[in-house]
Amino acid sequence: MPEVEIEIGGRVFEVACQEGEQHFLQSAARMLDDEARVLAAQTGRIPETRMLLMAGLMLADKTAGVEDKLQELEGKLAAQEAELESLRNAPAPEPQKIEVPTIPSEVSETLAELAARAEALAAEVEEKAAG
């Protein structure tokens, strides 16, 4: 079993762990050390056991908060997944009938006649401008 040297609250400890777990132990020790340093900054020097207890309790409090948030988010995720599943299983909506109005032929003929007159006037204006 490898021995890992960790520092918590300015104190060095040697801790044994399983092979390959050194990284996780050092990461956990850094978190505990962060809490211990906060305690030391607030209260000054405190006995080792009390420092470790308080730092552990502070981490446990943070962990409990994270677990509560995780449960809340898992509940929201489950509700969203259920809603998504119900939408997937819902029957397809009925197609909507859309009516497009048609333009009466008299209106089309009148517009064509107006367009022809406008083109004739434009041609006449161009002739007079050129001449």
Protein backbone atom coordinates (compact mmCIF):
# COMPACT_ATOMS: atom_id res chain seq x y z
CA MET A 1 0.00 0.00 0.00
CA PRO A 2 1.45 3.33 -1.01
CA GLU A 3 1.94 6.03 1.61
CA VAL A 4 0.87 9.51 0.62
CA GLU A 5 2.00 12.64 2.41
CA ILE A 6 -0.77 15.22 2.66
CA GLU A 7 -0.94 18.61 4.32
CA ILE A 8 -4.05 19.80 6.11
CA GLY A 9 -4.16 23.06 8.00
CA GLY A 10 -0.38 23.43 7.92
CA ARG A 11 0.14 19.96 9.42
CA VAL A 12 1.62 17.05 7.48
CA PHE A 13 0.12 13.56 7.65
CA GLU A 14 1.16 10.26 6.11
CA VAL A 15 -1.81 8.26 4.90
CA ALA A 16 -1.93 4.83 3.28
CA CYS A 17 -4.24 4.17 0.36
CA GLN A 18 -4.91 1.59 -2.33
CA GLU A 19 -2.67 1.53 -5.39
CA GLY A 20 -3.96 3.99 -7.98
CA GLU A 21 -6.02 5.96 -5.44
CA GLN A 22 -3.29 8.48 -4.63
CA HIS A 23 -4.75 11.14 -6.91
CA PHE A 24 -8.19 10.88 -5.27
CA LEU A 25 -6.68 11.00 -1.78
CA GLN A 26 -4.67 14.10 -2.64
CA SER A 27 -7.73 15.76 -4.15
CA ALA A 28 -9.80 15.03 -1.03
CA ALA A 29 -6.94 16.26 1.17
CA ARG A 30 -6.82 19.55 -0.79
CA MET A 31 -10.55 20.09 -0.17
CA LEU A 32 -10.13 19.35 3.54
CA ASP A 33 -7.06 21.60 3.65
CA ASP A 34 -9.03 24.46 2.05
CA GLU A 35 -11.64 24.22 4.82
CA ALA A 36 -8.95 23.89 7.52
CA ARG A 37 -7.20 27.01 6.24
CA VAL A 38 -10.46 28.96 6.44
CA LEU A 39 -10.86 27.81 10.05
CA ALA A 40 -7.26 28.69 10.90
CA ALA A 41 -7.67 32.14 9.38
CA GLN A 42 -10.84 32.75 11.39
CA THR A 43 -9.86 31.28 14.75
CA GLY A 44 -6.07 31.14 14.77
CA ARG A 45 -4.34 27.99 15.94
CA ILE A 46 -6.74 25.29 17.15
CA PRO A 47 -6.10 21.71 18.28
CA GLU A 48 -5.56 19.26 15.45
CA THR A 49 -8.55 17.06 16.26
CA ARG A 50 -10.91 20.02 16.53
CA MET A 51 -9.57 21.49 13.28
CA LEU A 52 -10.09 18.19 11.44
CA LEU A 53 -13.55 17.76 12.94
CA MET A 54 -14.68 21.26 12.00
CA ALA A 55 -13.15 21.07 8.50
CA GLY A 56 -14.84 17.69 7.98
CA LEU A 57 -18.18 19.09 9.15
CA MET A 58 -17.83 22.06 6.81
CA LEU A 59 -17.16 19.70 3.89
CA ALA A 60 -20.08 17.50 4.94
CA ASP A 61 -22.34 20.56 4.96
CA LYS A 62 -21.22 21.51 1.45
CA THR A 63 -21.70 17.92 0.31
CA ALA A 64 -25.21 17.81 1.76
CA GLY A 65 -26.06 21.02 -0.11
CA VAL A 66 -24.72 19.58 -3.35
CA GLU A 67 -26.66 16.35 -2.80
CA ASP A 68 -29.88 18.32 -2.18
CA LYS A 69 -29.32 20.30 -5.37
CA LEU A 70 -28.53 17.09 -7.25
CA GLN A 71 -31.79 15.49 -6.07
CA GLU A 72 -33.72 18.59 -7.09
CA LEU A 73 -32.13 18.58 -10.54
CA GLU A 74 -32.69 14.83 -10.93
CA GLY A 75 -36.37 15.40 -10.13
CA LYS A 76 -36.59 18.16 -12.74
CA LEU A 77 -34.78 15.97 -15.26
CA ALA A 78 -37.17 13.07 -14.60
CA ALA A 79 -40.16 15.39 -15.09
CA GLN A 80 -38.69 16.72 -18.35
CA GLU A 81 -37.96 13.19 -19.58
CA ALA A 82 -41.52 12.11 -18.73
CA GLU A 83 -42.94 15.11 -20.60
CA LEU A 84 -40.69 14.40 -23.57
CA GLU A 85 -41.75 10.76 -23.59
CA SER A 86 -45.43 11.70 -23.45
CA LEU A 87 -44.92 14.09 -26.38
CA ARG A 88 -43.17 11.34 -28.36
CA ASN A 89 -46.03 8.93 -27.67
CA ALA A 90 -48.79 11.44 -28.39
CA PRO A 91 -50.70 10.99 -31.63
CA ALA A 92 -49.78 13.27 -34.50
CA PRO A 93 -51.93 16.38 -34.67
CA GLU A 94 -54.71 16.50 -37.22
CA PRO A 95 -53.66 18.25 -40.42
CA GLN A 96 -55.09 21.72 -40.72
CA LYS A 97 -57.09 22.67 -43.75
CA ILE A 98 -55.88 25.97 -45.12
CA GLU A 99 -57.93 27.74 -47.77
CA VAL A 100 -56.15 30.05 -50.13
CA PRO A 101 -58.40 32.67 -51.67
CA THR A 102 -58.37 32.86 -55.45
CA ILE A 103 -58.31 36.11 -57.33
CA PRO A 104 -61.34 36.52 -59.58
CA SER A 105 -60.47 36.59 -63.28
CA GLU A 106 -62.01 40.08 -63.67
CA VAL A 107 -59.45 41.47 -61.21
CA SER A 108 -56.59 39.75 -63.03
CA GLU A 109 -57.79 41.10 -66.37
CA THR A 110 -58.15 44.62 -64.95
CA LEU A 111 -54.64 44.48 -63.46
CA ALA A 112 -53.22 43.27 -66.79
CA GLU A 113 -54.99 46.13 -68.62
CA LEU A 114 -53.61 48.65 -66.08
CA ALA A 115 -50.11 47.24 -66.50
CA ALA A 116 -50.38 47.52 -70.31
CA ARG A 117 -51.53 51.15 -70.03
CA ALA A 118 -48.67 51.96 -67.63
CA GLU A 119 -46.15 50.41 -70.06
CA ALA A 120 -47.63 52.38 -72.95
CA LEU A 121 -47.40 55.61 -70.96
CA ALA A 122 -43.82 54.82 -69.97
CA ALA A 123 -42.92 54.20 -73.62
CA GLU A 124 -44.57 57.47 -74.65
CA VAL A 125 -42.64 59.38 -71.95
CA GLU A 126 -39.38 57.80 -73.12
CA GLU A 127 -40.14 58.78 -76.73
CA LYS A 128 -40.82 62.38 -75.80
CA ALA A 129 -37.72 62.53 -73.62
CA ALA A 130 -35.55 61.16 -76.42
CA GLY A 131 -37.09 63.39 -79.13
